[in-house]
Amino acid sequence: MSKTSIILIISVLAVAIAMCDSSSGPGTEGDVSVDSDSDSDSDGDSDSDSDADSDSDSDSDSDTDTDSDSGTEEICDEEAIPLIPAPVVLAIVEDMSGSMAPFFNDEDPLVPDPNNPGRWSIAREAIIHILTEFAEEGYEFGFDVYPSAMGSCYVNDNIEMDCAAGQEQAIIDMLPEVDAPDGATPIYIELLNFLLPTYAPGCLKELAQKHIILITDGQDTCGTTGSTGDEATPQELGEITAQLLNAGIKTFAVGFGGGVDPAQLDAIAQNGGTGYDTFIPADDLDSLIQAFEDIASNIVTCDYQVPEPTDPNVDPSSIEFLIDGEVVPFNEDCAGGVGWMWLNDDHTLMRFCEQTCAMFQEGDHTVTVRWGCTEPL
């Protein structure tokens, strides 16, 4: 007997057994299956697929697509990915006007008084401390002074040391070479320079959290045009700081000593986008170091670069973020502090809002990015 004949006989016997077994339960009214419906499969629903729901697809839900959720929109891609924090850029901008110079010995006017070393000496020590303390935090530091020429309002065409990763020691090494303080106080002009793309490209890099730490012991004496003896108003300083914020640069204002103009520095603080309503005061080395540490703790990494989808069929503009499987709601301006928002029109940089960020940074969490389809599957 041939192999084909054996298969046919077994098939016939199987059908015969099924037809003759009238006492074995449901499925005896012309249905060759063992369920209670009238279709040809072995489940208990009314369709002809192999699952137990009432639709005609092969998944376990009752919608019309082939995924296992309860919605009808196809999901093209869903990945658990490590979000890349946006770089934190910090430009330390130091006042080098004449009032920062050391006090001199009464007996010899050319010898600094060791008991009154001057504010620049104190500021330099505080800068060294913060650069050393936060060298492992991944911040990208830069350093600048104003003015750049003795006895004037002039500021160079380029920053002293542009922002970059891993150059803390290079900044420390250059500090002794910085010219002794002597000159006016061009606060407005110094801030204005950071709106120029060629002045400090590293401090203005795309997809970064950009900050200026402005340190001064006085008030602006150069105005909006850089004229010696002029003075920028609090409103003008607030406006230039607001322009910096609009360009994605936040500004901290540190007032060192009692000779500052509170109205000027408060205007910078209030428009700097850092959450401070007033400037940060410092009177000595310890308080200046504390001011730096307060600033560093204020900078929370909630901004992340958005990866490109790996599936060419997905729509990058149709995106959801999930934390531990829970969808994080989109919140256009982060009102209320919950959700996430876009930080640029290119949709390459996003921010978790304050409360969501605080939760995200507590413990280990899995972030999943889910994209929609460019067209229905």
Protein backbone atom coordinates (compact mmCIF):
# COMPACT_ATOMS: atom_id res chain seq x y z
CA MET A 1 0.00 0.00 0.00
CA SER A 2 1.33 3.46 -0.91
CA LYS A 3 2.11 6.24 1.59
CA THR A 4 -0.61 8.44 0.03
CA SER A 5 -3.22 5.76 0.59
CA ILE A 6 -2.27 5.47 4.26
CA ILE A 7 -2.72 9.21 4.77
CA LEU A 8 -6.12 9.15 3.08
CA ILE A 9 -7.32 6.22 5.18
CA ILE A 10 -6.20 7.90 8.39
CA SER A 11 -7.97 11.10 7.35
CA VAL A 12 -11.20 9.22 6.59
CA LEU A 13 -11.01 7.38 9.89
CA ALA A 14 -10.53 10.67 11.72
CA VAL A 15 -13.62 12.15 10.12
CA ALA A 16 -15.61 8.99 10.81
CA ILE A 17 -14.65 8.96 14.45
CA ALA A 18 -15.65 12.59 14.79
CA MET A 19 -19.04 11.94 13.14
CA CYS A 20 -19.77 8.82 15.12
CA ASP A 21 -18.83 10.22 18.53
CA SER A 22 -22.24 11.65 19.29
CA SER A 23 -21.81 11.38 23.04
CA SER A 24 -18.60 13.35 23.35
CA GLY A 25 -20.14 16.83 23.81
CA PRO A 26 -20.78 19.88 21.63
CA GLY A 27 -20.10 20.22 17.95
CA THR A 28 -22.32 17.40 16.71
CA GLU A 29 -24.59 19.32 14.34
CA GLY A 30 -22.46 19.24 11.21
CA ASP A 31 -19.50 21.01 12.85
CA VAL A 32 -16.25 19.04 12.77
CA SER A 33 -14.84 21.12 15.67
CA VAL A 34 -15.31 20.47 19.35
CA ASP A 35 -16.69 23.94 20.27
CA SER A 36 -20.28 25.12 20.42
CA ASP A 37 -20.33 27.48 17.45
CA SER A 38 -20.96 26.82 13.79
CA ASP A 39 -17.58 27.78 12.31
CA SER A 40 -14.76 25.45 11.36
CA ASP A 41 -12.25 26.28 14.09
CA SER A 42 -11.89 24.82 17.55
CA ASP A 43 -12.62 27.87 19.69
CA GLY A 44 -15.93 29.05 21.06
CA ASP A 45 -16.50 32.20 19.08
CA SER A 46 -18.25 32.90 15.81
CA ASP A 47 -15.28 33.67 13.57
CA SER A 48 -12.87 31.43 11.75
CA ASP A 49 -9.56 32.43 13.32
CA SER A 50 -7.77 30.57 16.07
CA ASP A 51 -8.36 32.89 19.01
CA ALA A 52 -11.30 33.13 21.37
CA ASP A 53 -12.50 36.66 20.64
CA SER A 54 -15.21 37.66 18.20
CA ASP A 55 -13.16 39.45 15.54
CA SER A 56 -11.45 37.99 12.53
CA ASP A 57 -7.81 38.66 13.42
CA SER A 58 -5.51 36.37 15.29
CA ASP A 59 -4.75 38.42 18.38
CA SER A 60 -6.37 38.25 21.80
CA ASP A 61 -8.29 41.52 21.82
CA SER A 62 -11.56 42.46 20.17
CA ASP A 63 -10.43 45.23 17.83
CA THR A 64 -9.66 44.89 14.14
CA ASP A 65 -5.90 45.22 14.11
CA THR A 66 -3.29 42.54 14.67
CA ASP A 67 -1.59 43.91 17.77
CA SER A 68 -2.57 42.95 21.29
CA ASP A 69 -3.78 46.30 22.60
CA SER A 70 -7.35 47.48 22.68
CA GLY A 71 -6.94 50.36 20.23
CA THR A 72 -7.28 50.33 16.47
CA GLU A 73 -4.15 52.37 15.69
CA GLU A 74 -1.17 50.30 14.65
CA ILE A 75 2.09 50.83 16.54
CA CYS A 76 5.07 50.61 14.21
CA ASP A 77 7.88 50.66 16.71
CA GLU A 78 8.37 50.60 20.46
CA GLU A 79 11.83 50.60 21.98
CA ALA A 80 13.29 50.75 25.47
CA ILE A 81 16.21 53.09 24.91
CA PRO A 82 18.71 54.97 27.04
CA LEU A 83 17.81 58.64 26.73
CA ILE A 84 20.88 60.81 26.21
CA PRO A 85 20.93 63.81 28.57
CA ALA A 86 21.51 67.11 26.85
CA PRO A 87 24.98 68.48 27.70
CA VAL A 88 25.08 71.03 30.53
CA VAL A 89 27.11 74.06 29.42
CA LEU A 90 28.33 76.56 32.03
CA ALA A 91 30.12 79.80 31.10
CA ILE A 92 31.67 81.43 34.18
CA VAL A 93 31.82 85.16 33.43
CA GLU A 94 34.01 87.11 35.87
CA ASP A 95 34.02 90.85 36.55
CA MET A 96 37.61 92.15 36.25
CA SER A 97 36.90 95.83 36.89
CA GLY A 98 39.21 97.86 39.12
CA SER A 99 37.17 97.20 42.25
CA MET A 100 38.10 93.50 42.04
CA ALA A 101 41.80 94.36 42.51
CA PRO A 102 43.61 93.67 45.79
CA PHE A 103 44.01 96.25 48.51
CA PHE A 104 47.55 97.55 48.80
CA ASN A 105 49.81 97.89 51.80
CA ASP A 106 49.79 101.38 53.29
CA GLU A 107 53.58 101.32 53.67
CA ASP A 108 54.24 100.20 50.08
CA PRO A 109 51.43 100.99 47.56
CA LEU A 110 52.82 98.39 45.13
CA VAL A 111 52.57 95.46 47.59
CA PRO A 112 49.13 93.88 48.11
CA ASP A 113 47.99 93.73 51.72
CA PRO A 114 48.04 90.00 52.69
CA ASN A 115 45.08 90.59 55.01
CA ASN A 116 43.01 92.07 52.18
CA PRO A 117 43.92 90.08 49.08
CA GLY A 118 41.18 91.58 46.92
CA ARG A 119 38.03 90.09 45.45
CA TRP A 120 39.71 88.65 42.37
CA SER A 121 41.95 86.48 44.52
CA ILE A 122 38.89 85.21 46.42
CA ALA A 123 36.87 84.70 43.26
CA ARG A 124 39.74 82.81 41.64
CA GLU A 125 39.92 80.43 44.59
CA ALA A 126 36.16 79.86 44.46
CA ILE A 127 36.29 79.19 40.71
CA ILE A 128 39.08 76.66 41.23
CA HIS A 129 36.97 74.96 43.90
CA ILE A 130 33.86 74.65 41.72
CA LEU A 131 35.86 73.42 38.71
CA THR A 132 37.56 70.79 40.85
CA GLU A 133 34.40 69.79 42.71
CA PHE A 134 32.28 69.28 39.61
CA ALA A 135 34.90 67.90 37.24
CA GLU A 136 33.21 64.49 37.35
CA GLU A 137 29.69 65.78 36.77
CA GLY A 138 30.07 66.06 33.01
CA TYR A 139 29.49 69.82 32.85
CA GLU A 140 31.10 71.65 29.94
CA PHE A 141 32.76 74.74 31.44
CA GLY A 142 33.92 77.91 29.77
CA PHE A 143 35.51 81.05 31.25
CA ASP A 144 35.41 84.72 30.35
CA VAL A 145 36.34 88.08 31.89
CA TYR A 146 35.02 91.61 31.38
CA PRO A 147 36.43 94.03 30.45
CA SER A 148 39.26 92.67 28.32
CA ALA A 149 41.43 95.80 28.29
CA MET A 150 42.73 97.86 31.18
CA GLY A 151 40.94 101.09 31.99
CA SER A 152 38.12 100.70 29.46
CA CYS A 153 34.81 99.05 28.57
CA TYR A 154 36.35 96.97 25.79
CA VAL A 155 35.55 93.26 25.54
CA ASN A 156 37.40 90.91 23.15
CA ASP A 157 35.78 89.45 20.06
CA ASN A 158 36.01 85.94 21.51
CA ILE A 159 35.55 84.34 24.90
CA GLU A 160 38.73 83.69 26.92
CA MET A 161 38.12 79.92 26.92
CA ASP A 162 35.17 78.46 25.07
CA CYS A 163 32.95 75.85 26.70
CA ALA A 164 34.00 72.24 26.18
CA ALA A 165 34.00 68.94 28.01
CA GLY A 166 36.92 67.97 30.22
CA GLN A 167 38.75 71.28 30.29
CA GLU A 168 38.38 72.15 33.98
CA GLN A 169 42.12 71.86 34.58
CA ALA A 170 42.91 73.95 31.51
CA ILE A 171 40.80 76.80 32.92
CA ILE A 172 42.47 76.47 36.34
CA ASP A 173 45.89 76.63 34.68
CA MET A 174 45.04 79.84 32.82
CA LEU A 175 43.65 81.75 35.81
CA PRO A 176 47.03 83.03 37.08
CA GLU A 177 47.68 84.45 33.61
CA VAL A 178 44.53 86.59 33.59
CA ASP A 179 45.39 90.28 33.66
CA ALA A 180 45.06 92.06 36.97
CA PRO A 181 41.69 93.76 37.42
CA ASP A 182 41.56 97.26 36.00
CA GLY A 183 38.77 98.87 34.05
CA ALA A 184 35.06 99.61 33.91
CA THR A 185 32.15 97.18 34.28
CA PRO A 186 30.53 96.37 30.89
CA ILE A 187 27.87 93.92 32.13
CA TYR A 188 25.41 94.68 29.31
CA ILE A 189 28.07 94.41 26.58
CA GLU A 190 29.37 91.14 28.02
CA LEU A 191 25.88 89.58 28.01
CA LEU A 192 25.22 90.96 24.54
CA ASN A 193 28.27 89.11 23.19
CA PHE A 194 26.68 85.74 24.00
CA LEU A 195 24.00 86.46 21.43
CA LEU A 196 26.70 86.51 18.72
CA PRO A 197 27.18 83.01 17.22
CA THR A 198 30.92 83.56 16.73
CA TYR A 199 31.71 84.80 20.24
CA ALA A 200 31.50 81.49 22.13
CA PRO A 201 30.36 78.70 19.79
CA GLY A 202 30.98 75.95 22.35
CA CYS A 203 28.86 77.72 24.94
CA LEU A 204 26.07 78.16 22.39
CA LYS A 205 26.03 74.61 21.01
CA GLU A 206 22.78 73.08 19.83
CA LEU A 207 20.96 70.47 21.91
CA ALA A 208 22.57 71.69 25.14
CA GLN A 209 21.37 73.18 28.41
CA LYS A 210 23.17 76.53 28.25
CA HIS A 211 23.98 78.73 31.26
CA ILE A 212 25.91 81.86 32.14
CA ILE A 213 27.14 82.47 35.69
CA LEU A 214 27.71 86.21 35.88
CA ILE A 215 29.87 87.39 38.80
CA THR A 216 30.25 91.09 39.61
CA ASP A 217 31.15 93.26 42.59
CA GLY A 218 29.68 96.45 41.15
CA GLN A 219 27.24 97.87 38.66
CA ASP A 220 27.24 98.37 34.91
CA THR A 221 29.27 101.47 33.99
CA CYS A 222 29.42 101.09 30.19
CA GLY A 223 25.78 101.15 29.11
CA THR A 224 24.39 99.55 25.97
CA THR A 225 27.04 101.04 23.66
CA GLY A 226 30.20 100.34 25.68
CA SER A 227 30.85 103.98 26.53
CA THR A 228 32.89 104.59 29.68
CA GLY A 229 30.87 106.41 32.31
CA ASP A 230 27.51 105.29 30.86
CA GLU A 231 25.20 102.98 32.77
CA ALA A 232 22.71 100.33 31.64
CA THR A 233 19.33 100.56 33.34
CA PRO A 234 17.77 97.59 35.14
CA GLN A 235 15.19 97.43 32.35
CA GLU A 236 17.90 97.21 29.67
CA LEU A 237 19.74 94.49 31.58
CA GLY A 238 16.47 92.62 32.03
CA GLU A 239 15.74 92.88 28.31
CA ILE A 240 19.14 91.54 27.20
CA THR A 241 18.84 88.68 29.70
CA ALA A 242 15.38 87.88 28.33
CA GLN A 243 16.84 87.77 24.82
CA LEU A 244 19.46 85.30 26.02
CA LEU A 245 16.73 83.15 27.57
CA ASN A 246 14.78 83.27 24.32
CA ALA A 247 17.95 81.96 22.63
CA GLY A 248 18.05 79.08 25.11
CA ILE A 249 20.63 80.55 27.53
CA LYS A 250 19.82 80.85 31.24
CA THR A 251 21.66 83.43 33.35
CA PHE A 252 22.57 83.35 37.05
CA ALA A 253 23.56 86.63 38.71
CA VAL A 254 26.06 86.53 41.61
CA GLY A 255 26.71 89.76 43.50
CA PHE A 256 30.09 89.69 45.22
CA GLY A 257 30.44 92.26 47.99
CA GLY A 258 28.41 95.25 49.03
CA GLY A 259 29.10 97.48 46.05
CA VAL A 260 26.61 95.87 43.67
CA ASP A 261 23.48 97.49 42.27
CA PRO A 262 20.65 95.23 43.54
CA ALA A 263 18.15 96.57 41.00
CA GLN A 264 20.45 95.74 38.08
CA LEU A 265 21.28 92.25 39.28
CA ASP A 266 17.70 91.46 40.31
CA ALA A 267 16.58 92.39 36.78
CA ILE A 268 19.06 89.84 35.41
CA ALA A 269 17.96 87.19 37.92
CA GLN A 270 14.25 87.69 37.24
CA ASN A 271 14.69 87.35 33.47
CA GLY A 272 17.35 84.63 33.54
CA GLY A 273 14.98 81.67 33.56
CA THR A 274 16.74 80.00 36.50
CA GLY A 275 13.94 80.24 39.06
CA TYR A 276 15.69 82.97 41.09
CA ASP A 277 13.76 86.19 41.75
CA THR A 278 16.80 87.98 43.19
CA PHE A 279 20.55 87.83 42.65
CA ILE A 280 22.69 85.44 44.70
CA PRO A 281 24.73 87.39 47.28
CA ALA A 282 28.27 86.46 48.35
CA ASP A 283 30.57 88.37 50.68
CA ASP A 284 33.55 86.07 51.17
CA LEU A 285 35.13 82.85 49.94
CA ASP A 286 32.77 80.51 51.79
CA SER A 287 29.63 82.29 50.62
CA LEU A 288 30.91 82.49 47.04
CA ILE A 289 31.61 78.75 47.04
CA GLN A 290 28.14 78.19 48.49
CA ALA A 291 26.66 80.33 45.71
CA PHE A 292 28.36 78.14 43.09
CA GLU A 293 27.11 74.97 44.78
CA ASP A 294 23.56 76.34 44.97
CA ILE A 295 23.70 77.06 41.24
CA ALA A 296 24.98 73.57 40.46
CA SER A 297 22.21 71.97 42.51
CA ASN A 298 19.66 74.12 40.69
CA ILE A 299 20.71 72.68 37.35
CA VAL A 300 18.67 69.47 37.07
CA THR A 301 19.10 67.35 33.98
CA CYS A 302 15.56 67.01 32.69
CA ASP A 303 16.40 67.74 29.06
CA TYR A 304 17.13 64.84 26.71
CA GLN A 305 18.07 64.34 23.10
CA VAL A 306 15.39 62.46 21.20
CA PRO A 307 16.70 59.49 19.21
CA GLU A 308 15.78 58.81 15.63
CA PRO A 309 13.50 55.80 15.11
CA THR A 310 15.17 52.69 13.75
CA ASP A 311 12.15 51.61 11.70
CA PRO A 312 11.90 53.55 8.39
CA ASN A 313 8.12 53.08 8.38
CA VAL A 314 7.48 55.10 11.52
CA ASP A 315 6.50 58.74 11.75
CA PRO A 316 9.03 60.63 13.93
CA SER A 317 6.47 63.35 14.68
CA SER A 318 4.05 60.80 16.15
CA ILE A 319 5.85 59.99 19.37
CA GLU A 320 5.02 58.95 22.92
CA PHE A 321 7.25 58.55 25.96
CA LEU A 322 6.46 55.87 28.50
CA ILE A 323 8.02 55.45 31.95
CA ASP A 324 7.75 51.88 33.21
CA GLY A 325 5.06 51.26 30.60
CA GLU A 326 2.90 54.25 31.58
CA VAL A 327 2.36 56.94 28.95
CA VAL A 328 3.70 60.36 30.00
CA PRO A 329 1.25 63.05 28.84
CA PHE A 330 2.40 65.75 26.46
CA ASN A 331 2.28 69.20 28.12
CA GLU A 332 3.07 72.02 25.71
CA ASP A 333 4.43 74.46 28.31
CA CYS A 334 4.84 72.14 31.35
CA ALA A 335 2.08 73.96 33.23
CA GLY A 336 1.52 72.14 36.51
CA GLY A 337 4.87 70.39 36.25
CA VAL A 338 3.58 67.05 34.94
CA GLY A 339 4.34 65.52 31.53
CA TRP A 340 6.85 66.45 28.87
CA MET A 341 7.35 69.21 26.29
CA TRP A 342 9.39 69.95 23.17
CA LEU A 343 12.30 72.37 23.49
CA ASN A 344 12.86 73.07 19.80
CA ASP A 345 10.95 73.13 16.55
CA ASP A 346 13.07 70.30 15.12
CA HIS A 347 11.71 67.92 17.77
CA THR A 348 15.20 66.72 18.63
CA LEU A 349 15.24 67.95 22.25
CA MET A 350 12.58 67.31 24.90
CA ARG A 351 12.13 68.03 28.59
CA PHE A 352 10.39 66.08 31.33
CA CYS A 353 8.40 68.60 33.37
CA GLU A 354 9.47 69.28 36.96
CA GLN A 355 7.36 66.74 38.86
CA THR A 356 7.76 64.05 36.23
CA CYS A 357 11.51 64.65 36.15
CA ALA A 358 11.77 64.35 39.94
CA MET A 359 9.95 61.02 39.80
CA PHE A 360 12.04 59.84 36.86
CA GLN A 361 15.29 60.57 38.69
CA GLU A 362 14.31 58.60 41.78
CA GLY A 363 15.46 55.00 41.42
CA ASP A 364 15.71 52.91 38.27
CA HIS A 365 13.08 53.40 35.61
CA THR A 366 12.68 52.21 32.05
CA VAL A 367 11.86 54.82 29.43
CA THR A 368 10.23 53.58 26.25
CA VAL A 369 9.82 55.62 23.11
CA ARG A 370 6.89 54.66 20.89
CA TRP A 371 6.36 55.95 17.39
CA GLY A 372 3.28 55.81 15.19
CA CYS A 373 3.11 54.82 11.52
CA THR A 374 3.63 56.96 8.45
CA GLU A 375 0.68 55.07 6.89
CA PRO A 376 -1.60 52.28 8.10
CA LEU A 377 -0.11 48.81 7.99
